[in-house]
């Protein structure tokens, strides 16, 4: 159960605050709903209390999970996804929809790396921004650090690892 005033994460939309719990009549049945206001957009979402976990509503991450997110961002896969852009887009969207900060970090990392190799489609650029914004908001709340500072840390981390990889690549140093 989530409590009024508690922060929670709604998949693909980000962090919000549970403002109230209300009963509504839906198809002749009384149901309880969390009324959640998203912090970034002020959008109000009604989430059935009995189905909240199945929908993916979750608590914000703890400090141990923050460490795991940073490890995912530091890790470099041997090769970036070579599927067509629309297949990649669907795969990445599925990861974002899980609401998992770890899957969102993978999307941010992979699209950032892919962006260094080729131009991203409009949808991929939008998804890159979405993944970054979802992580930045949650990490800034957990760490009690300004969102701009968190964003700078993430970008520096991704850039630093790219530079390290390029320097370590013999083909890169031969040119």
N, C-alpha and C. Protein backbone atom coordinates (compact mmCIF):
# COMPACT_ATOMS: atom_id res chain seq x y z
N UNK A 1 0.83 -1.20 0.00
CA UNK A 1 0.00 0.00 0.00
C UNK A 1 0.87 1.26 0.00
N UNK A 2 0.46 2.19 -0.79
CA UNK A 2 1.10 3.50 -0.79
C UNK A 2 0.29 4.43 0.09
N UNK A 3 0.97 5.36 0.71
CA UNK A 3 0.33 6.30 1.63
C UNK A 3 0.23 7.68 0.98
N UNK A 4 -0.77 8.44 1.41
CA UNK A 4 -0.91 9.82 0.94
C UNK A 4 0.37 10.58 1.30
N UNK A 5 0.90 11.31 0.33
CA UNK A 5 2.14 12.07 0.53
C UNK A 5 3.39 11.30 0.11
N UNK A 6 3.25 10.01 -0.15
CA UNK A 6 4.41 9.19 -0.51
C UNK A 6 4.78 9.41 -1.98
N UNK A 7 6.09 9.42 -2.25
CA UNK A 7 6.58 9.47 -3.61
C UNK A 7 6.57 8.06 -4.19
N UNK A 8 6.21 7.96 -5.46
CA UNK A 8 6.20 6.67 -6.15
C UNK A 8 6.54 6.93 -7.62
N UNK A 9 6.88 5.85 -8.32
CA UNK A 9 7.25 5.96 -9.73
C UNK A 9 6.21 5.22 -10.56
N UNK A 10 5.66 5.93 -11.55
CA UNK A 10 4.72 5.33 -12.49
C UNK A 10 5.49 5.06 -13.78
N UNK A 11 5.47 3.81 -14.27
CA UNK A 11 6.28 3.46 -15.44
C UNK A 11 6.07 4.40 -16.63
N UNK A 12 7.17 4.76 -17.25
CA UNK A 12 7.23 5.59 -18.45
C UNK A 12 6.80 7.04 -18.22
N UNK A 13 6.36 7.38 -17.01
CA UNK A 13 5.95 8.75 -16.73
C UNK A 13 6.78 9.40 -15.63
N UNK A 14 7.32 8.60 -14.73
CA UNK A 14 8.22 9.15 -13.74
C UNK A 14 7.65 9.24 -12.34
N UNK A 15 8.29 10.10 -11.57
CA UNK A 15 8.00 10.22 -10.15
C UNK A 15 6.79 11.12 -9.93
N UNK A 16 5.96 10.68 -8.98
CA UNK A 16 4.80 11.46 -8.60
C UNK A 16 4.55 11.30 -7.11
N UNK A 17 3.60 12.06 -6.63
CA UNK A 17 3.22 11.98 -5.22
C UNK A 17 1.77 11.49 -5.15
N UNK A 18 1.54 10.56 -4.23
CA UNK A 18 0.19 10.09 -3.99
C UNK A 18 -0.54 11.19 -3.22
N UNK A 19 -1.51 11.83 -3.85
CA UNK A 19 -2.20 12.95 -3.22
C UNK A 19 -3.40 12.51 -2.40
N UNK A 20 -4.04 11.42 -2.82
CA UNK A 20 -5.19 10.94 -2.08
C UNK A 20 -5.55 9.52 -2.54
N UNK A 21 -6.46 8.93 -1.80
CA UNK A 21 -7.05 7.65 -2.17
C UNK A 21 -8.55 7.88 -2.19
N UNK A 22 -9.17 7.62 -3.35
CA UNK A 22 -10.60 7.89 -3.49
C UNK A 22 -11.32 6.65 -4.00
N UNK A 23 -12.57 6.57 -3.61
CA UNK A 23 -13.43 5.50 -4.13
C UNK A 23 -14.26 6.05 -5.27
N UNK A 24 -14.36 5.26 -6.33
CA UNK A 24 -15.15 5.64 -7.50
C UNK A 24 -16.02 4.45 -7.91
N UNK A 25 -17.14 4.75 -8.49
CA UNK A 25 -18.02 3.72 -9.01
C UNK A 25 -17.62 3.46 -10.46
N UNK A 26 -17.17 2.24 -10.74
CA UNK A 26 -16.77 1.87 -12.09
C UNK A 26 -17.59 0.65 -12.50
N UNK A 27 -18.42 0.82 -13.49
CA UNK A 27 -19.28 -0.26 -13.99
C UNK A 27 -20.09 -0.91 -12.86
N UNK A 28 -20.61 -0.08 -11.97
CA UNK A 28 -21.44 -0.59 -10.89
C UNK A 28 -20.69 -1.12 -9.69
N UNK A 29 -19.36 -1.10 -9.73
CA UNK A 29 -18.54 -1.58 -8.61
C UNK A 29 -17.77 -0.43 -7.99
N UNK A 30 -17.73 -0.41 -6.68
CA UNK A 30 -16.91 0.57 -5.98
C UNK A 30 -15.46 0.11 -6.00
N UNK A 31 -14.57 0.99 -6.46
CA UNK A 31 -13.14 0.68 -6.49
C UNK A 31 -12.37 1.83 -5.87
N UNK A 32 -11.25 1.48 -5.23
CA UNK A 32 -10.36 2.50 -4.67
C UNK A 32 -9.27 2.82 -5.69
N UNK A 33 -8.92 4.09 -5.75
CA UNK A 33 -7.88 4.56 -6.66
C UNK A 33 -6.90 5.46 -5.92
N UNK A 34 -5.62 5.30 -6.26
CA UNK A 34 -4.63 6.29 -5.85
C UNK A 34 -4.77 7.45 -6.81
N UNK A 35 -4.77 8.64 -6.29
CA UNK A 35 -4.73 9.84 -7.12
C UNK A 35 -3.30 10.35 -7.02
N UNK A 36 -2.59 10.28 -8.15
CA UNK A 36 -1.16 10.60 -8.16
C UNK A 36 -0.92 11.79 -9.08
N UNK A 37 -0.14 12.74 -8.59
CA UNK A 37 0.26 13.90 -9.41
C UNK A 37 1.73 13.72 -9.79
N UNK A 38 1.99 13.69 -11.11
CA UNK A 38 3.37 13.56 -11.57
C UNK A 38 4.11 14.87 -11.34
N UNK A 39 5.32 14.77 -10.83
CA UNK A 39 6.08 15.96 -10.46
C UNK A 39 6.49 16.80 -11.66
N UNK A 40 6.87 16.14 -12.75
CA UNK A 40 7.36 16.90 -13.91
C UNK A 40 6.27 17.62 -14.68
N UNK A 41 5.11 16.98 -14.83
CA UNK A 41 4.09 17.54 -15.72
C UNK A 41 2.83 18.02 -15.00
N UNK A 42 2.71 17.75 -13.71
CA UNK A 42 1.49 18.06 -12.95
C UNK A 42 0.28 17.25 -13.43
N UNK A 43 0.52 16.24 -14.27
CA UNK A 43 -0.56 15.39 -14.74
C UNK A 43 -1.08 14.56 -13.57
N UNK A 44 -2.39 14.35 -13.54
CA UNK A 44 -3.02 13.54 -12.50
C UNK A 44 -3.35 12.17 -13.11
N UNK A 45 -2.98 11.12 -12.37
CA UNK A 45 -3.25 9.75 -12.81
C UNK A 45 -4.05 9.06 -11.73
N UNK A 46 -5.08 8.31 -12.14
CA UNK A 46 -5.85 7.49 -11.22
C UNK A 46 -5.40 6.04 -11.41
N UNK A 47 -4.96 5.43 -10.33
CA UNK A 47 -4.42 4.07 -10.39
C UNK A 47 -5.23 3.19 -9.44
N UNK A 48 -5.85 2.12 -9.97
CA UNK A 48 -6.59 1.23 -9.08
C UNK A 48 -5.66 0.66 -8.01
N UNK A 49 -6.05 0.79 -6.74
CA UNK A 49 -5.17 0.35 -5.65
C UNK A 49 -4.89 -1.15 -5.70
N UNK A 50 -5.88 -1.92 -6.10
CA UNK A 50 -5.70 -3.37 -6.15
C UNK A 50 -4.82 -3.83 -7.28
N UNK A 51 -4.56 -2.96 -8.24
CA UNK A 51 -3.78 -3.34 -9.42
C UNK A 51 -2.50 -2.53 -9.55
N UNK A 52 -2.18 -1.73 -8.54
CA UNK A 52 -1.06 -0.79 -8.64
C UNK A 52 0.28 -1.48 -8.91
N UNK A 53 0.56 -2.56 -8.19
CA UNK A 53 1.85 -3.26 -8.39
C UNK A 53 1.92 -3.91 -9.76
N UNK A 54 0.78 -4.46 -10.24
CA UNK A 54 0.77 -5.09 -11.57
C UNK A 54 0.99 -4.06 -12.67
N UNK A 55 0.50 -2.86 -12.46
CA UNK A 55 0.70 -1.77 -13.42
C UNK A 55 2.16 -1.34 -13.41
N UNK A 56 2.84 -1.56 -12.30
CA UNK A 56 4.25 -1.21 -12.20
C UNK A 56 4.53 -0.05 -11.27
N UNK A 57 3.51 0.44 -10.58
CA UNK A 57 3.75 1.50 -9.60
C UNK A 57 4.70 0.97 -8.54
N UNK A 58 5.74 1.75 -8.26
CA UNK A 58 6.76 1.27 -7.31
C UNK A 58 7.29 2.42 -6.48
N UNK A 59 7.96 2.03 -5.39
CA UNK A 59 8.65 3.02 -4.55
C UNK A 59 9.84 3.58 -5.33
N UNK A 60 10.28 4.79 -4.93
CA UNK A 60 11.51 5.29 -5.54
C UNK A 60 12.66 4.41 -5.06
N UNK A 61 13.74 4.40 -5.81
CA UNK A 61 14.85 3.50 -5.52
C UNK A 61 15.62 3.94 -4.29
N UNK A 62 16.38 3.00 -3.73
CA UNK A 62 17.22 3.31 -2.58
C UNK A 62 18.66 3.56 -3.06
N UNK A 63 19.55 3.86 -2.12
CA UNK A 63 20.93 4.20 -2.49
C UNK A 63 21.68 3.02 -3.11
N UNK A 64 21.37 1.80 -2.71
CA UNK A 64 22.01 0.63 -3.32
C UNK A 64 21.61 0.52 -4.79
N UNK A 65 20.35 0.78 -5.09
CA UNK A 65 19.89 0.73 -6.48
C UNK A 65 20.53 1.85 -7.30
N UNK A 66 20.77 3.00 -6.67
CA UNK A 66 21.45 4.10 -7.37
C UNK A 66 22.83 3.62 -7.83
N UNK A 67 23.55 2.93 -6.96
CA UNK A 67 24.86 2.39 -7.31
C UNK A 67 24.76 1.44 -8.50
N UNK A 68 23.73 0.60 -8.50
CA UNK A 68 23.53 -0.33 -9.61
C UNK A 68 23.25 0.41 -10.91
N UNK A 69 22.46 1.49 -10.84
CA UNK A 69 22.17 2.29 -12.03
C UNK A 69 23.46 2.86 -12.60
N UNK A 70 24.31 3.41 -11.73
CA UNK A 70 25.58 3.97 -12.20
C UNK A 70 26.48 2.88 -12.80
N UNK A 71 26.44 1.68 -12.24
CA UNK A 71 27.22 0.57 -12.81
C UNK A 71 26.74 0.21 -14.21
N UNK A 72 25.43 0.21 -14.39
CA UNK A 72 24.87 -0.07 -15.72
C UNK A 72 25.33 0.99 -16.71
N UNK A 73 25.34 2.24 -16.29
CA UNK A 73 25.77 3.32 -17.19
C UNK A 73 27.26 3.22 -17.51
N UNK A 74 28.06 2.72 -16.55
CA UNK A 74 29.51 2.57 -16.79
C UNK A 74 29.82 1.39 -17.71
N UNK A 75 29.01 0.33 -17.60
CA UNK A 75 29.26 -0.89 -18.38
C UNK A 75 29.04 -0.63 -19.86
N UNK A 76 29.91 -1.17 -20.67
CA UNK A 76 29.77 -1.04 -22.12
C UNK A 76 29.57 -2.41 -22.74
N UNK A 77 28.43 -2.62 -23.40
CA UNK A 77 28.24 -3.90 -24.08
C UNK A 77 29.23 -4.02 -25.22
N UNK A 78 29.53 -5.25 -25.59
CA UNK A 78 30.51 -5.47 -26.65
C UNK A 78 30.05 -4.85 -27.96
N UNK A 79 28.76 -4.92 -28.22
CA UNK A 79 28.26 -4.26 -29.42
C UNK A 79 26.88 -3.70 -29.13
N UNK A 80 26.62 -2.56 -29.74
CA UNK A 80 25.33 -1.91 -29.58
C UNK A 80 24.34 -2.61 -30.52
N UNK A 81 23.10 -2.63 -30.13
CA UNK A 81 22.03 -3.27 -30.86
C UNK A 81 22.04 -2.86 -32.35
N UNK A 82 22.21 -3.84 -33.24
CA UNK A 82 22.28 -3.55 -34.68
C UNK A 82 20.98 -3.81 -35.41
N UNK A 83 19.87 -3.85 -34.70
CA UNK A 83 18.58 -4.06 -35.34
C UNK A 83 18.17 -2.81 -36.10
N UNK A 84 17.09 -2.94 -36.89
CA UNK A 84 16.57 -1.76 -37.57
C UNK A 84 16.07 -0.78 -36.52
N UNK A 85 15.99 0.49 -36.87
CA UNK A 85 15.65 1.52 -35.89
C UNK A 85 14.27 1.27 -35.28
N UNK A 86 13.30 0.77 -36.09
CA UNK A 86 11.97 0.59 -35.51
C UNK A 86 11.90 -0.61 -34.57
N UNK A 87 12.70 -1.65 -34.82
CA UNK A 87 12.76 -2.79 -33.91
C UNK A 87 13.46 -2.37 -32.61
N UNK A 88 14.55 -1.61 -32.74
CA UNK A 88 15.27 -1.08 -31.58
C UNK A 88 14.33 -0.22 -30.74
N UNK A 89 13.57 0.63 -31.44
CA UNK A 89 12.64 1.53 -30.77
C UNK A 89 11.65 0.72 -29.93
N UNK A 90 11.07 -0.32 -30.51
CA UNK A 90 10.11 -1.15 -29.77
C UNK A 90 10.76 -1.81 -28.56
N UNK A 91 11.97 -2.35 -28.74
CA UNK A 91 12.68 -2.98 -27.63
C UNK A 91 12.96 -1.99 -26.50
N UNK A 92 13.43 -0.80 -26.87
CA UNK A 92 13.72 0.21 -25.87
C UNK A 92 12.44 0.71 -25.19
N UNK A 93 11.37 0.86 -25.95
CA UNK A 93 10.11 1.30 -25.37
C UNK A 93 9.60 0.26 -24.37
N UNK A 94 9.75 -1.02 -24.70
CA UNK A 94 9.35 -2.08 -23.76
C UNK A 94 10.14 -1.97 -22.46
N UNK A 95 11.44 -1.65 -22.56
CA UNK A 95 12.26 -1.50 -21.36
C UNK A 95 11.78 -0.31 -20.52
N UNK A 96 11.47 0.80 -21.18
CA UNK A 96 11.01 1.98 -20.45
C UNK A 96 9.67 1.70 -19.77
N UNK A 97 8.79 0.98 -20.46
CA UNK A 97 7.46 0.69 -19.90
C UNK A 97 7.52 -0.21 -18.68
N UNK A 98 8.62 -0.95 -18.47
CA UNK A 98 8.71 -1.78 -17.27
C UNK A 98 8.75 -0.94 -16.01
N UNK A 99 9.24 0.30 -16.15
CA UNK A 99 9.38 1.16 -14.99
C UNK A 99 10.65 0.89 -14.19
N UNK A 100 11.41 -0.11 -14.60
CA UNK A 100 12.65 -0.46 -13.90
C UNK A 100 13.72 0.60 -14.17
N UNK A 101 14.31 1.14 -13.11
CA UNK A 101 15.39 2.12 -13.33
C UNK A 101 16.59 1.48 -14.02
N UNK A 102 16.75 0.19 -13.86
CA UNK A 102 17.88 -0.51 -14.47
C UNK A 102 17.67 -0.63 -15.99
N UNK A 103 16.44 -0.93 -16.42
CA UNK A 103 16.15 -1.02 -17.85
C UNK A 103 16.22 0.37 -18.49
N UNK A 104 15.74 1.38 -17.76
CA UNK A 104 15.80 2.75 -18.28
C UNK A 104 17.26 3.19 -18.43
N UNK A 105 18.11 2.81 -17.48
CA UNK A 105 19.54 3.12 -17.57
C UNK A 105 20.16 2.44 -18.79
N UNK A 106 19.75 1.22 -19.09
CA UNK A 106 20.26 0.52 -20.28
C UNK A 106 19.88 1.28 -21.55
N UNK A 107 18.65 1.77 -21.60
CA UNK A 107 18.19 2.53 -22.77
C UNK A 107 19.03 3.81 -22.91
N UNK A 108 19.22 4.52 -21.81
CA UNK A 108 20.02 5.75 -21.85
C UNK A 108 21.44 5.45 -22.32
N UNK A 109 22.06 4.44 -21.74
CA UNK A 109 23.42 4.06 -22.12
C UNK A 109 23.49 3.67 -23.59
N UNK A 110 22.63 2.77 -24.02
CA UNK A 110 22.70 2.24 -25.38
C UNK A 110 22.42 3.30 -26.43
N UNK A 111 21.42 4.15 -26.19
CA UNK A 111 21.13 5.20 -27.17
C UNK A 111 22.22 6.27 -27.19
N UNK A 112 22.82 6.55 -26.04
CA UNK A 112 23.93 7.50 -26.00
C UNK A 112 25.11 6.96 -26.81
N UNK A 113 25.40 5.68 -26.64
CA UNK A 113 26.49 5.07 -27.42
C UNK A 113 26.15 5.04 -28.91
N UNK A 114 24.93 4.67 -29.24
CA UNK A 114 24.51 4.59 -30.63
C UNK A 114 24.60 5.95 -31.30
N UNK A 115 24.29 7.00 -30.54
CA UNK A 115 24.33 8.37 -31.06
C UNK A 115 25.74 8.76 -31.50
N UNK A 116 26.76 8.15 -30.90
CA UNK A 116 28.14 8.46 -31.32
C UNK A 116 28.51 7.76 -32.63
N UNK A 117 27.74 6.72 -32.98
CA UNK A 117 28.02 5.96 -34.20
C UNK A 117 27.21 6.43 -35.40
N UNK A 118 25.97 6.86 -35.15
CA UNK A 118 25.12 7.29 -36.25
C UNK A 118 24.03 8.21 -35.74
N UNK A 119 23.35 8.86 -36.68
CA UNK A 119 22.24 9.74 -36.30
C UNK A 119 21.08 8.90 -35.80
N UNK A 120 20.48 9.34 -34.72
CA UNK A 120 19.30 8.66 -34.19
C UNK A 120 18.06 9.16 -34.93
N UNK A 121 17.07 8.29 -35.06
CA UNK A 121 15.79 8.70 -35.62
C UNK A 121 15.13 9.68 -34.65
N UNK A 122 14.10 10.36 -35.12
CA UNK A 122 13.38 11.30 -34.26
C UNK A 122 12.86 10.58 -33.02
N UNK A 123 12.27 9.41 -33.22
CA UNK A 123 11.72 8.62 -32.11
C UNK A 123 12.79 8.22 -31.12
N UNK A 124 13.96 7.84 -31.62
CA UNK A 124 15.06 7.45 -30.73
C UNK A 124 15.58 8.64 -29.95
N UNK A 125 15.68 9.81 -30.58
CA UNK A 125 16.12 11.02 -29.87
C UNK A 125 15.13 11.36 -28.75
N UNK A 126 13.84 11.25 -29.05
CA UNK A 126 12.81 11.52 -28.04
C UNK A 126 12.90 10.50 -26.91
N UNK A 127 13.14 9.25 -27.25
CA UNK A 127 13.26 8.20 -26.23
C UNK A 127 14.50 8.42 -25.38
N UNK A 128 15.60 8.85 -25.98
CA UNK A 128 16.82 9.17 -25.23
C UNK A 128 16.52 10.25 -24.20
N UNK A 129 15.80 11.29 -24.61
CA UNK A 129 15.43 12.36 -23.68
C UNK A 129 14.52 11.84 -22.58
N UNK A 130 13.57 10.98 -22.94
CA UNK A 130 12.66 10.41 -21.95
C UNK A 130 13.42 9.60 -20.91
N UNK A 131 14.32 8.71 -21.37
CA UNK A 131 15.10 7.87 -20.46
C UNK A 131 15.95 8.74 -19.54
N UNK A 132 16.59 9.76 -20.11
CA UNK A 132 17.42 10.67 -19.31
C UNK A 132 16.58 11.39 -18.26
N UNK A 133 15.44 11.92 -18.67
CA UNK A 133 14.59 12.66 -17.74
C UNK A 133 14.03 11.78 -16.63
N UNK A 134 13.64 10.55 -16.96
CA UNK A 134 13.13 9.64 -15.94
C UNK A 134 14.19 9.35 -14.89
N UNK A 135 15.41 9.07 -15.34
CA UNK A 135 16.49 8.78 -14.39
C UNK A 135 16.90 10.01 -13.60
N UNK A 136 17.03 11.13 -14.27
CA UNK A 136 17.48 12.36 -13.60
C UNK A 136 16.53 12.72 -12.46
N UNK A 137 15.23 12.68 -12.71
CA UNK A 137 14.26 13.08 -11.69
C UNK A 137 14.36 12.17 -10.47
N UNK A 138 14.38 10.86 -10.72
CA UNK A 138 14.41 9.93 -9.59
C UNK A 138 15.73 10.01 -8.84
N UNK A 139 16.85 10.07 -9.55
CA UNK A 139 18.16 10.16 -8.90
C UNK A 139 18.31 11.45 -8.12
N UNK A 140 17.76 12.55 -8.63
CA UNK A 140 17.88 13.81 -7.91
C UNK A 140 17.08 13.76 -6.60
N UNK A 141 15.93 13.10 -6.62
CA UNK A 141 15.14 12.97 -5.40
C UNK A 141 15.82 12.07 -4.38
N UNK A 142 16.35 10.94 -4.84
CA UNK A 142 17.00 9.98 -3.94
C UNK A 142 18.24 10.60 -3.31
N UNK A 143 19.04 11.29 -4.12
CA UNK A 143 20.30 11.85 -3.65
C UNK A 143 20.16 13.25 -3.07
N UNK A 144 18.96 13.83 -3.17
CA UNK A 144 18.72 15.19 -2.71
C UNK A 144 19.71 16.18 -3.35
N UNK A 145 19.84 16.03 -4.66
CA UNK A 145 20.74 16.88 -5.46
C UNK A 145 19.91 17.48 -6.59
N UNK A 146 20.23 18.70 -6.97
CA UNK A 146 19.54 19.38 -8.05
C UNK A 146 19.56 18.55 -9.34
N UNK A 147 18.45 18.54 -10.07
CA UNK A 147 18.32 17.74 -11.29
C UNK A 147 19.39 18.10 -12.33
N UNK A 148 19.73 19.38 -12.45
CA UNK A 148 20.75 19.79 -13.42
C UNK A 148 22.11 19.18 -13.07
N UNK A 149 22.41 19.10 -11.79
CA UNK A 149 23.68 18.51 -11.36
C UNK A 149 23.71 17.01 -11.64
N UNK A 150 22.59 16.33 -11.40
CA UNK A 150 22.50 14.90 -11.70
C UNK A 150 22.66 14.67 -13.19
N UNK A 151 21.99 15.48 -13.99
CA UNK A 151 22.10 15.34 -15.45
C UNK A 151 23.54 15.52 -15.90
N UNK A 152 24.22 16.50 -15.35
CA UNK A 152 25.63 16.72 -15.70
C UNK A 152 26.48 15.53 -15.29
N UNK A 153 26.20 14.95 -14.11
CA UNK A 153 26.95 13.76 -13.68
C UNK A 153 26.74 12.59 -14.63
N UNK A 154 25.48 12.37 -15.03
CA UNK A 154 25.19 11.26 -15.94
C UNK A 154 25.87 11.45 -17.28
N UNK A 155 25.79 12.66 -17.82
CA UNK A 155 26.41 12.93 -19.12
C UNK A 155 27.93 12.81 -19.04
N UNK A 156 28.51 13.29 -17.94
CA UNK A 156 29.97 13.17 -17.75
C UNK A 156 30.37 11.70 -17.65
N UNK A 157 29.58 10.94 -16.92
CA UNK A 157 29.86 9.50 -16.78
C UNK A 157 29.81 8.81 -18.14
N UNK A 158 28.79 9.09 -18.92
CA UNK A 158 28.66 8.47 -20.24
C UNK A 158 29.77 8.95 -21.18
N UNK A 159 30.10 10.25 -21.14
CA UNK A 159 31.17 10.78 -21.98
C UNK A 159 32.54 10.24 -21.57
N UNK A 160 32.79 10.15 -20.27
CA UNK A 160 34.09 9.68 -19.77
C UNK A 160 34.33 8.24 -20.18
N UNK A 161 33.31 7.43 -20.12
CA UNK A 161 33.48 6.03 -20.49
C UNK A 161 33.69 5.91 -21.98
N UNK A 162 33.00 6.73 -22.77
CA UNK A 162 33.22 6.72 -24.22
C UNK A 162 34.66 7.10 -24.54
N UNK A 163 35.16 8.16 -23.89
CA UNK A 163 36.53 8.60 -24.15
C UNK A 163 37.52 7.52 -23.76
N UNK A 164 37.29 6.86 -22.64
CA UNK A 164 38.17 5.78 -22.19
C UNK A 164 38.16 4.65 -23.20
N UNK A 165 36.98 4.30 -23.70
CA UNK A 165 36.85 3.22 -24.68
C UNK A 165 37.60 3.61 -25.96
N UNK A 166 37.45 4.85 -26.43
CA UNK A 166 38.11 5.26 -27.66
C UNK A 166 39.63 5.24 -27.49
N UNK A 167 40.11 5.64 -26.35
CA UNK A 167 41.55 5.65 -26.11
C UNK A 167 42.09 4.23 -26.03
N UNK A 168 41.31 3.33 -25.45
CA UNK A 168 41.74 1.94 -25.29
C UNK A 168 41.64 1.16 -26.60
N UNK A 169 40.93 1.69 -27.58
CA UNK A 169 40.73 1.00 -28.84
C UNK A 169 41.95 1.22 -29.73
N UNK A 170 42.71 0.15 -30.08
CA UNK A 170 43.90 0.31 -30.91
C UNK A 170 43.58 0.94 -32.26
N UNK A 171 42.44 0.64 -32.84
CA UNK A 171 42.09 1.20 -34.13
C UNK A 171 41.92 2.70 -34.01
N UNK A 172 41.40 3.17 -32.89
CA UNK A 172 41.18 4.60 -32.69
C UNK A 172 42.53 5.33 -32.55
N UNK A 173 43.49 4.70 -31.88
CA UNK A 173 44.77 5.38 -31.69
C UNK A 173 45.63 5.32 -32.95
N UNK A 174 45.32 4.40 -33.87
CA UNK A 174 46.10 4.27 -35.10
C UNK A 174 45.73 5.37 -36.10
N UNK A 175 44.58 6.01 -35.93
CA UNK A 175 44.17 7.02 -36.90
C UNK A 175 44.68 8.38 -36.58
